[in-house]
Amino acid sequence: MNQFYFESLSSCCVQLGVMTYGDVSKQSPETQAAIEQEVRALLKDSYERARNLLKTYSKEHKTLADALLRYETLDAKEIQMVLEGKSLDH
């Protein structure tokens, strides 16, 4: 597994069951494999959730991006108006 992930795990810990592992470099190969498997599952789940959100709200992202390109900045009320399909007449 990439050293970056092990270092990240060392600094923030991963909880497996009821045990928390801090410094994974001091763990057995079996424990490291379990941690790696858990990290991969978490990353895959996070990737899929992000992908689904981007897919689900692609129209809104495009609409908001177009408004930002046109107006450069939007406040919360203007964002709501754009997402509701209302015109911004600045």
PDB file of N, CA and C in Angstrom:
ATOM      1  N   MET A   1       0.848  -1.181   0.000  1.00  0.00           N
ATOM      2  CA  MET A   1       0.000   0.000   0.000  1.00  0.00           C
ATOM      3  C   MET A   1       0.888   1.238   0.000  1.00  0.00           C
ATOM      4  N   ASN A   2       0.404   2.274  -0.574  1.00  0.00           N
ATOM      5  CA  ASN A   2       1.122   3.526  -0.676  1.00  0.00           C
ATOM      6  C   ASN A   2       1.490   4.063   0.711  1.00  0.00           C
ATOM      7  N   GLN A   3       2.707   4.539   0.853  1.00  0.00           N
ATOM      8  CA  GLN A   3       3.201   5.061   2.131  1.00  0.00           C
ATOM      9  C   GLN A   3       2.349   6.223   2.621  1.00  0.00           C
ATOM     10  N   PHE A   4       1.809   7.008   1.690  1.00  0.00           N
ATOM     11  CA  PHE A   4       0.956   8.138   2.060  1.00  0.00           C
ATOM     12  C   PHE A   4      -0.205   7.682   2.931  1.00  0.00           C
ATOM     13  N   TYR A   5      -0.853   6.582   2.550  1.00  0.00           N
ATOM     14  CA  TYR A   5      -2.006   6.114   3.302  1.00  0.00           C
ATOM     15  C   TYR A   5      -1.598   5.636   4.691  1.00  0.00           C
ATOM     16  N   PHE A   6      -0.455   4.941   4.779  1.00  0.00           N
ATOM     17  CA  PHE A   6       0.016   4.507   6.089  1.00  0.00           C
ATOM     18  C   PHE A   6       0.323   5.696   6.983  1.00  0.00           C
ATOM     19  N   GLU A   7       0.947   6.723   6.413  1.00  0.00           N
ATOM     20  CA  GLU A   7       1.247   7.913   7.204  1.00  0.00           C
ATOM     21  C   GLU A   7      -0.042   8.605   7.625  1.00  0.00           C
ATOM     22  N   SER A   8      -1.014   8.658   6.727  1.00  0.00           N
ATOM     23  CA  SER A   8      -2.296   9.262   7.064  1.00  0.00           C
ATOM     24  C   SER A   8      -2.974   8.486   8.177  1.00  0.00           C
ATOM     25  N   LEU A   9      -2.904   7.171   8.088  1.00  0.00           N
ATOM     26  CA  LEU A   9      -3.497   6.340   9.128  1.00  0.00           C
ATOM     27  C   LEU A   9      -2.795   6.546  10.457  1.00  0.00           C
ATOM     28  N   SER A  10      -1.486   6.702  10.408  1.00  0.00           N
ATOM     29  CA  SER A  10      -0.734   6.903  11.643  1.00  0.00           C
ATOM     30  C   SER A  10      -1.154   8.188  12.333  1.00  0.00           C
ATOM     31  N   SER A  11      -1.451   9.205  11.538  1.00  0.00           N
ATOM     32  CA  SER A  11      -1.783  10.488  12.145  1.00  0.00           C
ATOM     33  C   SER A  11      -3.246  10.581  12.568  1.00  0.00           C
ATOM     34  N   CYS A  12      -4.146   9.902  11.864  1.00  0.00           N
ATOM     35  CA  CYS A  12      -5.559  10.066  12.220  1.00  0.00           C
ATOM     36  C   CYS A  12      -6.197   8.794  12.755  1.00  0.00           C
ATOM     37  N   CYS A  13      -5.563   7.652  12.634  1.00  0.00           N
ATOM     38  CA  CYS A  13      -6.046   6.358  13.126  1.00  0.00           C
ATOM     39  C   CYS A  13      -7.233   5.825  12.334  1.00  0.00           C
ATOM     40  N   VAL A  14      -7.319   4.521  12.284  1.00  0.00           N
ATOM     41  CA  VAL A  14      -8.462   3.836  11.685  1.00  0.00           C
ATOM     42  C   VAL A  14      -9.028   2.922  12.742  1.00  0.00           C
ATOM     43  N   GLN A  15     -10.324   2.931  12.866  1.00  0.00           N
ATOM     44  CA  GLN A  15     -10.960   2.081  13.855  1.00  0.00           C
ATOM     45  C   GLN A  15     -11.489   0.832  13.167  1.00  0.00           C
ATOM     46  N   LEU A  16     -11.022  -0.303  13.633  1.00  0.00           N
ATOM     47  CA  LEU A  16     -11.493  -1.593  13.149  1.00  0.00           C
ATOM     48  C   LEU A  16     -12.181  -2.285  14.305  1.00  0.00           C
ATOM     49  N   GLY A  17     -13.473  -2.468  14.185  1.00  0.00           N
ATOM     50  CA  GLY A  17     -14.200  -3.062  15.299  1.00  0.00           C
ATOM     51  C   GLY A  17     -14.155  -2.125  16.479  1.00  0.00           C
ATOM     52  N   VAL A  18     -13.690  -2.650  17.628  1.00  0.00           N
ATOM     53  CA  VAL A  18     -13.614  -1.832  18.831  1.00  0.00           C
ATOM     54  C   VAL A  18     -12.192  -1.386  19.135  1.00  0.00           C
ATOM     55  N   MET A  19     -11.242  -1.760  18.277  1.00  0.00           N
ATOM     56  CA  MET A  19      -9.840  -1.397  18.521  1.00  0.00           C
ATOM     57  C   MET A  19      -9.429  -0.278  17.578  1.00  0.00           C
ATOM     58  N   THR A  20      -8.592   0.630  18.068  1.00  0.00           N
ATOM     59  CA  THR A  20      -8.074   1.715  17.254  1.00  0.00           C
ATOM     60  C   THR A  20      -6.575   1.507  17.075  1.00  0.00           C
ATOM     61  N   TYR A  21      -6.123   1.638  15.835  1.00  0.00           N
ATOM     62  CA  TYR A  21      -4.709   1.447  15.508  1.00  0.00           C
ATOM     63  C   TYR A  21      -4.116   2.779  15.100  1.00  0.00           C
ATOM     64  N   GLY A  22      -3.058   3.192  15.790  1.00  0.00           N
ATOM     65  CA  GLY A  22      -2.406   4.462  15.493  1.00  0.00           C
ATOM     66  C   GLY A  22      -1.245   4.298  14.557  1.00  0.00           C
ATOM     67  N   ASP A  23      -0.142   3.757  15.019  1.00  0.00           N
ATOM     68  CA  ASP A  23       1.074   3.607  14.228  1.00  0.00           C
ATOM     69  C   ASP A  23       1.030   2.244  13.532  1.00  0.00           C
ATOM     70  N   VAL A  24       0.553   2.233  12.280  1.00  0.00           N
ATOM     71  CA  VAL A  24       0.367   0.962  11.581  1.00  0.00           C
ATOM     72  C   VAL A  24       1.671   0.290  11.199  1.00  0.00           C
ATOM     73  N   SER A  25       2.769   1.041  11.171  1.00  0.00           N
ATOM     74  CA  SER A  25       4.045   0.427  10.799  1.00  0.00           C
ATOM     75  C   SER A  25       4.524  -0.562  11.853  1.00  0.00           C
ATOM     76  N   LYS A  26       3.976  -0.478  13.060  1.00  0.00           N
ATOM     77  CA  LYS A  26       4.373  -1.397  14.136  1.00  0.00           C
ATOM     78  C   LYS A  26       3.421  -2.586  14.235  1.00  0.00           C
ATOM     79  N   GLN A  27       2.465  -2.691  13.317  1.00  0.00           N
ATOM     80  CA  GLN A  27       1.476  -3.763  13.358  1.00  0.00           C
ATOM     81  C   GLN A  27       1.957  -4.963  12.542  1.00  0.00           C
ATOM     82  N   SER A  28       1.373  -6.104  12.801  1.00  0.00           N
ATOM     83  CA  SER A  28       1.709  -7.323  12.069  1.00  0.00           C
ATOM     84  C   SER A  28       1.254  -7.178  10.623  1.00  0.00           C
ATOM     85  N   PRO A  29       1.812  -7.971   9.718  1.00  0.00           N
ATOM     86  CA  PRO A  29       1.383  -7.932   8.312  1.00  0.00           C
ATOM     87  C   PRO A  29      -0.125  -8.197   8.162  1.00  0.00           C
ATOM     88  N   GLU A  30      -0.654  -9.066   8.993  1.00  0.00           N
ATOM     89  CA  GLU A  30      -2.088  -9.359   8.926  1.00  0.00           C
ATOM     90  C   GLU A  30      -2.921  -8.130   9.297  1.00  0.00           C
ATOM     91  N   THR A  31      -2.487  -7.442  10.357  1.00  0.00           N
ATOM     92  CA  THR A  31      -3.192  -6.241  10.778  1.00  0.00           C
ATOM     93  C   THR A  31      -3.053  -5.149   9.737  1.00  0.00           C
ATOM     94  N   GLN A  32      -1.855  -4.997   9.167  1.00  0.00           N
ATOM     95  CA  GLN A  32      -1.652  -4.015   8.107  1.00  0.00           C
ATOM     96  C   GLN A  32      -2.549  -4.317   6.913  1.00  0.00           C
ATOM     97  N   ALA A  33      -2.694  -5.600   6.563  1.00  0.00           N
ATOM     98  CA  ALA A  33      -3.562  -5.998   5.453  1.00  0.00           C
ATOM     99  C   ALA A  33      -5.023  -5.666   5.763  1.00  0.00           C
ATOM    100  N   ALA A  34      -5.441  -5.900   7.003  1.00  0.00           N
ATOM    101  CA  ALA A  34      -6.817  -5.577   7.402  1.00  0.00           C
ATOM    102  C   ALA A  34      -7.063  -4.081   7.316  1.00  0.00           C
ATOM    103  N   ILE A  35      -6.088  -3.297   7.763  1.00  0.00           N
ATOM    104  CA  ILE A  35      -6.203  -1.837   7.706  1.00  0.00           C
ATOM    105  C   ILE A  35      -6.239  -1.382   6.252  1.00  0.00           C
ATOM    106  N   GLU A  36      -5.363  -1.945   5.441  1.00  0.00           N
ATOM    107  CA  GLU A  36      -5.333  -1.600   4.019  1.00  0.00           C
ATOM    108  C   GLU A  36      -6.677  -1.910   3.358  1.00  0.00           C
ATOM    109  N   GLN A  37      -7.241  -3.056   3.681  1.00  0.00           N
ATOM    110  CA  GLN A  37      -8.530  -3.447   3.113  1.00  0.00           C
ATOM    111  C   GLN A  37      -9.621  -2.462   3.534  1.00  0.00           C
ATOM    112  N   GLU A  38      -9.597  -2.069   4.793  1.00  0.00           N
ATOM    113  CA  GLU A  38     -10.584  -1.110   5.290  1.00  0.00           C
ATOM    114  C   GLU A  38     -10.427   0.245   4.613  1.00  0.00           C
ATOM    115  N   VAL A  39      -9.187   0.703   4.453  1.00  0.00           N
ATOM    116  CA  VAL A  39      -8.936   1.981   3.795  1.00  0.00           C
ATOM    117  C   VAL A  39      -9.416   1.920   2.348  1.00  0.00           C
ATOM    118  N   ARG A  40      -9.102   0.835   1.663  1.00  0.00           N
ATOM    119  CA  ARG A  40      -9.562   0.689   0.276  1.00  0.00           C
ATOM    120  C   ARG A  40     -11.085   0.730   0.196  1.00  0.00           C
ATOM    121  N   ALA A  41     -11.759   0.071   1.116  1.00  0.00           N
ATOM    122  CA  ALA A  41     -13.222   0.063   1.126  1.00  0.00           C
ATOM    123  C   ALA A  41     -13.761   1.473   1.376  1.00  0.00           C
ATOM    124  N   LEU A  42     -13.146   2.187   2.321  1.00  0.00           N
ATOM    125  CA  LEU A  42     -13.568   3.562   2.610  1.00  0.00           C
ATOM    126  C   LEU A  42     -13.343   4.480   1.408  1.00  0.00           C
ATOM    127  N   LEU A  43     -12.184   4.337   0.765  1.00  0.00           N
ATOM    128  CA  LEU A  43     -11.886   5.159  -0.409  1.00  0.00           C
ATOM    129  C   LEU A  43     -12.845   4.849  -1.547  1.00  0.00           C
ATOM    130  N   LYS A  44     -13.115   3.574  -1.778  1.00  0.00           N
ATOM    131  CA  LYS A  44     -14.032   3.180  -2.849  1.00  0.00           C
ATOM    132  C   LYS A  44     -15.428   3.726  -2.580  1.00  0.00           C
ATOM    133  N   ASP A  45     -15.890   3.601  -1.335  1.00  0.00           N
ATOM    134  CA  ASP A  45     -17.210   4.106  -0.966  1.00  0.00           C
ATOM    135  C   ASP A  45     -17.276   5.624  -1.141  1.00  0.00           C
ATOM    136  N   SER A  46     -16.248   6.317  -0.691  1.00  0.00           N
ATOM    137  CA  SER A  46     -16.216   7.781  -0.819  1.00  0.00           C
ATOM    138  C   SER A  46     -16.197   8.202  -2.280  1.00  0.00           C
ATOM    139  N   TYR A  47     -15.415   7.501  -3.084  1.00  0.00           N
ATOM    140  CA  TYR A  47     -15.347   7.795  -4.520  1.00  0.00           C
ATOM    141  C   TYR A  47     -16.724   7.607  -5.160  1.00  0.00           C
ATOM    142  N   GLU A  48     -17.383   6.508  -4.857  1.00  0.00           N
ATOM    143  CA  GLU A  48     -18.693   6.226  -5.441  1.00  0.00           C
ATOM    144  C   GLU A  48     -19.738   7.257  -4.999  1.00  0.00           C
ATOM    145  N   ARG A  49     -19.698   7.640  -3.727  1.00  0.00           N
ATOM    146  CA  ARG A  49     -20.646   8.654  -3.249  1.00  0.00           C
ATOM    147  C   ARG A  49     -20.411   9.988  -3.953  1.00  0.00           C
ATOM    148  N   ALA A  50     -19.146  10.395  -4.098  1.00  0.00           N
ATOM    149  CA  ALA A  50     -18.816  11.646  -4.779  1.00  0.00           C
ATOM    150  C   ALA A  50     -19.245  11.580  -6.249  1.00  0.00           C
ATOM    151  N   ARG A  51     -18.968  10.466  -6.886  1.00  0.00           N
ATOM    152  CA  ARG A  51     -19.335  10.272  -8.293  1.00  0.00           C
ATOM    153  C   ARG A  51     -20.854  10.356  -8.468  1.00  0.00           C
ATOM    154  N   ASN A  52     -21.591   9.697  -7.576  1.00  0.00           N
ATOM    155  CA  ASN A  52     -23.050   9.732  -7.654  1.00  0.00           C
ATOM    156  C   ASN A  52     -23.601  11.133  -7.423  1.00  0.00           C
ATOM    157  N   LEU A  53     -23.014  11.867  -6.474  1.00  0.00           N
ATOM    158  CA  LEU A  53     -23.447  13.248  -6.242  1.00  0.00           C
ATOM    159  C   LEU A  53     -23.207  14.119  -7.469  1.00  0.00           C
ATOM    160  N   LEU A  54     -22.023  13.975  -8.072  1.00  0.00           N
ATOM    161  CA  LEU A  54     -21.715  14.761  -9.265  1.00  0.00           C
ATOM    162  C   LEU A  54     -22.650  14.416 -10.414  1.00  0.00           C
ATOM    163  N   LYS A  55     -22.951  13.134 -10.556  1.00  0.00           N
ATOM    164  CA  LYS A  55     -23.878  12.697 -11.602  1.00  0.00           C
ATOM    165  C   LYS A  55     -25.294  13.201 -11.338  1.00  0.00           C
ATOM    166  N   THR A  56     -25.756  13.037 -10.118  1.00  0.00           N
ATOM    167  CA  THR A  56     -27.115  13.417  -9.742  1.00  0.00           C
ATOM    168  C   THR A  56     -27.349  14.916  -9.916  1.00  0.00           C
ATOM    169  N   TYR A  57     -26.360  15.714  -9.570  1.00  0.00           N
ATOM    170  CA  TYR A  57     -26.521  17.159  -9.591  1.00  0.00           C
ATOM    171  C   TYR A  57     -25.722  17.829 -10.708  1.00  0.00           C
ATOM    172  N   SER A  58     -25.477  17.118 -11.807  1.00  0.00           N
ATOM    173  CA  SER A  58     -24.665  17.679 -12.891  1.00  0.00           C
ATOM    174  C   SER A  58     -25.316  18.913 -13.519  1.00  0.00           C
ATOM    175  N   LYS A  59     -26.638  18.902 -13.654  1.00  0.00           N
ATOM    176  CA  LYS A  59     -27.336  20.064 -14.222  1.00  0.00           C
ATOM    177  C   LYS A  59     -27.137  21.290 -13.330  1.00  0.00           C
ATOM    178  N   GLU A  60     -27.283  21.093 -12.020  1.00  0.00           N
ATOM    179  CA  GLU A  60     -27.112  22.200 -11.084  1.00  0.00           C
ATOM    180  C   GLU A  60     -25.674  22.716 -11.098  1.00  0.00           C
ATOM    181  N   HIS A  61     -24.705  21.798 -11.189  1.00  0.00           N
ATOM    182  CA  HIS A  61     -23.295  22.209 -11.255  1.00  0.00           C
ATOM    183  C   HIS A  61     -23.050  23.067 -12.491  1.00  0.00           C
ATOM    184  N   LYS A  62     -23.592  22.632 -13.629  1.00  0.00           N
ATOM    185  CA  LYS A  62     -23.409  23.366 -14.886  1.00  0.00           C
ATOM    186  C   LYS A  62     -24.058  24.742 -14.786  1.00  0.00           C
ATOM    187  N   THR A  63     -25.267  24.781 -14.264  1.00  0.00           N
ATOM    188  CA  THR A  63     -25.987  26.054 -14.121  1.00  0.00           C
ATOM    189  C   THR A  63     -25.224  27.009 -13.216  1.00  0.00           C
ATOM    190  N   LEU A  64     -24.748  26.487 -12.091  1.00  0.00           N
ATOM    191  CA  LEU A  64     -24.002  27.322 -11.147  1.00  0.00           C
ATOM    192  C   LEU A  64     -22.664  27.774 -11.739  1.00  0.00           C
ATOM    193  N   ALA A  65     -21.986  26.883 -12.430  1.00  0.00           N
ATOM    194  CA  ALA A  65     -20.709  27.242 -13.071  1.00  0.00           C
ATOM    195  C   ALA A  65     -20.917  28.344 -14.106  1.00  0.00           C
ATOM    196  N   ASP A  66     -21.967  28.224 -14.933  1.00  0.00           N
ATOM    197  CA  ASP A  66     -22.254  29.259 -15.928  1.00  0.00           C
ATOM    198  C   ASP A  66     -22.526  30.607 -15.264  1.00  0.00           C
ATOM    199  N   ALA A  67     -23.290  30.587 -14.162  1.00  0.00           N
ATOM    200  CA  ALA A  67     -23.585  31.831 -13.447  1.00  0.00           C
ATOM    201  C   ALA A  67     -22.312  32.432 -12.857  1.00  0.00           C
ATOM    202  N   LEU A  68     -21.445  31.592 -12.324  1.00  0.00           N
ATOM    203  CA  LEU A  68     -20.186  32.100 -11.755  1.00  0.00           C
ATOM    204  C   LEU A  68     -19.276  32.675 -12.837  1.00  0.00           C
ATOM    205  N   LEU A  69     -19.262  32.050 -14.005  1.00  0.00           N
ATOM    206  CA  LEU A  69     -18.469  32.598 -15.110  1.00  0.00           C
ATOM    207  C   LEU A  69     -19.015  33.957 -15.551  1.00  0.00           C
ATOM    208  N   ARG A  70     -20.316  34.097 -15.509  1.00  0.00           N
ATOM    209  CA  ARG A  70     -20.938  35.345 -15.939  1.00  0.00           C
ATOM    210  C   ARG A  70     -20.805  36.449 -14.888  1.00  0.00           C
ATOM    211  N   TYR A  71     -21.084  36.108 -13.612  1.00  0.00           N
ATOM    212  CA  TYR A  71     -21.135  37.136 -12.564  1.00  0.00           C
ATOM    213  C   TYR A  71     -19.900  37.151 -11.655  1.00  0.00           C
ATOM    214  N   GLU A  72     -19.072  36.154 -11.720  1.00  0.00           N
ATOM    215  CA  GLU A  72     -17.838  35.995 -10.943  1.00  0.00           C
ATOM    216  C   GLU A  72     -18.058  35.676  -9.471  1.00  0.00           C
ATOM    217  N   THR A  73     -18.961  36.355  -8.814  1.00  0.00           N
ATOM    218  CA  THR A  73     -19.265  36.042  -7.410  1.00  0.00           C
ATOM    219  C   THR A  73     -20.775  36.001  -7.223  1.00  0.00           C
ATOM    220  N   LEU A  74     -21.204  35.149  -6.314  1.00  0.00           N
ATOM    221  CA  LEU A  74     -22.623  35.034  -5.986  1.00  0.00           C
ATOM    222  C   LEU A  74     -22.757  34.888  -4.484  1.00  0.00           C
ATOM    223  N   ASP A  75     -23.748  35.550  -3.919  1.00  0.00           N
ATOM    224  CA  ASP A  75     -24.005  35.336  -2.502  1.00  0.00           C
ATOM    225  C   ASP A  75     -25.011  34.187  -2.363  1.00  0.00           C
ATOM    226  N   ALA A  76     -25.354  33.840  -1.146  1.00  0.00           N
ATOM    227  CA  ALA A  76     -26.223  32.688  -0.903  1.00  0.00           C
ATOM    228  C   ALA A  76     -27.585  32.863  -1.573  1.00  0.00           C
ATOM    229  N   LYS A  77     -28.151  34.062  -1.500  1.00  0.00           N
ATOM    230  CA  LYS A  77     -29.457  34.322  -2.113  1.00  0.00           C
ATOM    231  C   LYS A  77     -29.380  34.163  -3.629  1.00  0.00           C
ATOM    232  N   GLU A  78     -28.304  34.663  -4.226  1.00  0.00           N
ATOM    233  CA  GLU A  78     -28.131  34.551  -5.679  1.00  0.00           C
ATOM    234  C   GLU A  78     -27.926  33.096  -6.102  1.00  0.00           C
ATOM    235  N   ILE A  79     -27.195  32.345  -5.314  1.00  0.00           N
ATOM    236  CA  ILE A  79     -27.010  30.921  -5.615  1.00  0.00           C
ATOM    237  C   ILE A  79     -28.358  30.216  -5.608  1.00  0.00           C
ATOM    238  N   GLN A  80     -29.170  30.503  -4.600  1.00  0.00           N
ATOM    239  CA  GLN A  80     -30.504  29.901  -4.512  1.00  0.00           C
ATOM    240  C   GLN A  80     -31.341  30.277  -5.727  1.00  0.00           C
ATOM    241  N   MET A  81     -31.275  31.534  -6.129  1.00  0.00           N
ATOM    242  CA  MET A  81     -32.033  31.981  -7.297  1.00  0.00           C
ATOM    243  C   MET A  81     -31.581  31.251  -8.561  1.00  0.00           C
ATOM    244  N   VAL A  82     -30.272  31.131  -8.738  1.00  0.00           N
ATOM    245  CA  VAL A  82     -29.732  30.432  -9.908  1.00  0.00           C
ATOM    246  C   VAL A  82     -30.205  28.982  -9.918  1.00  0.00           C
ATOM    247  N   LEU A  83     -30.126  28.330  -8.779  1.00  0.00           N
ATOM    248  CA  LEU A  83     -30.521  26.923  -8.701  1.00  0.00           C
ATOM    249  C   LEU A  83     -32.030  26.740  -8.887  1.00  0.00           C
ATOM    250  N   GLU A  84     -32.809  27.779  -8.614  1.00  0.00           N
ATOM    251  CA  GLU A  84     -34.250  27.732  -8.839  1.00  0.00           C
ATOM    252  C   GLU A  84     -34.609  28.119 -10.272  1.00  0.00           C
ATOM    253  N   GLY A  85     -33.586  28.470 -11.065  1.00  0.00           N
ATOM    254  CA  GLY A  85     -33.824  28.825 -12.460  1.00  0.00           C
ATOM    255  C   GLY A  85     -34.233  30.261 -12.682  1.00  0.00           C
ATOM    256  N   LYS A  86     -34.107  31.089 -11.668  1.00  0.00           N
ATOM    257  CA  LYS A  86     -34.483  32.501 -11.763  1.00  0.00           C
ATOM    258  C   LYS A  86     -33.331  33.295 -12.345  1.00  0.00           C
ATOM    259  N   SER A  87     -33.670  34.395 -12.984  1.00  0.00           N
ATOM    260  CA  SER A  87     -32.681  35.255 -13.620  1.00  0.00           C
ATOM    261  C   SER A  87     -32.062  36.205 -12.596  1.00  0.00           C
ATOM    262  N   LEU A  88     -30.785  36.476 -12.769  1.00  0.00           N
ATOM    263  CA  LEU A  88     -30.103  37.486 -11.955  1.00  0.00           C
ATOM    264  C   LEU A  88     -29.862  38.701 -12.842  1.00  0.00           C
ATOM    265  N   ASP A  89     -30.516  39.772 -12.548  1.00  0.00           N
ATOM    266  CA  ASP A  89     -30.339  40.978 -13.349  1.00  0.00           C
ATOM    267  C   ASP A  89     -29.503  41.971 -12.567  1.00  0.00           C
ATOM    268  N   HIS A  90     -28.195  41.863 -12.749  1.00  0.00           N
ATOM    269  CA  HIS A  90     -27.268  42.789 -12.058  1.00  0.00           C
ATOM    270  C   HIS A  90     -27.108  44.043 -12.853  1.00  0.00           C
TER     271      HIS A  90
END
